[in-house]
Amino acid sequence: MRLPLRGLLILVAAAALPLQTQAAKKTTSRKATPPAPVVAPAQAEIGPAGIVDDFHELLRQGKRAEVLALLTEDAVVFETGYAGQSRDDYAQNHVSDDADFAGVTDYQVQHRQVLQEGETAWVLTQATVQGIFGDQNVDLQQTETMILRHRAEGWRIAHIHWSAHSRPIPEEPQPGAAAPAAPSTPAPQDGASLQLAPTTAVPAPAVPPSPDADSPRSGP
């Protein structure tokens, strides 16, 4: 009995089905275990001195919004003897000028001290500021105090106090000018004695003689 062609195809497909199922099971069992997710290491928090350095660098780059983000909402800024400014006052009236100034001058830290007590830190800095701003030659000695508070987002600046003065220019010696000689005292030579200025003797006052009984009396 001959099967029609359609029947043969059905039988072949049915016979191949178990083989495909077994192959699928083997393929599934051979799949590799997915790799564990990589956890990036936590970044170390920037300390108070680092925040102060970031503040100056952002000023130099002219990134005003990033500069203001480092200030607390109630920050107060004292600048070269002027009255205190709130964060909003500083944002509206001074940060742009400070950024322009920082962009054309060189700020170099000479000495820095960091004090910390709990959630509050003080960063005291002495620095030099040099460059040309507009038509002015800038050569300043600056002192800076920044008080920082620790918040959930890290250290933030709550107070800034700046003061500066012109650096003294060292005097250069005039060419050909000789330094005045120091006075000297001559030492006595061997065998010589120290001569003293002669003094004038003052005579003692004369004392009148006492009257004597045997002496002649004057008068009648």
Foldseek 3Di string as FASTA:
>chain_A
DDDDPVVVVVVVVVVCVVVVVVVVVVVVVPDDDDDDDDDDDDDDADDPVRLVVVLLVCLLVVVLVVNLVQADQQAWEAEANDDIDGSVRCSVPPSNVSSLQSNFKDKAWDDWDWDDDPFKIKIWTWIWIFGQDDNDGGTKIKIKIWMWGQDPVGIGTRYIHIHIDHDDDDDDDDPPDDDDDDDDDDDDDPPDDDDDDDDDDDDDDDDDDDDDPPDDDDDD
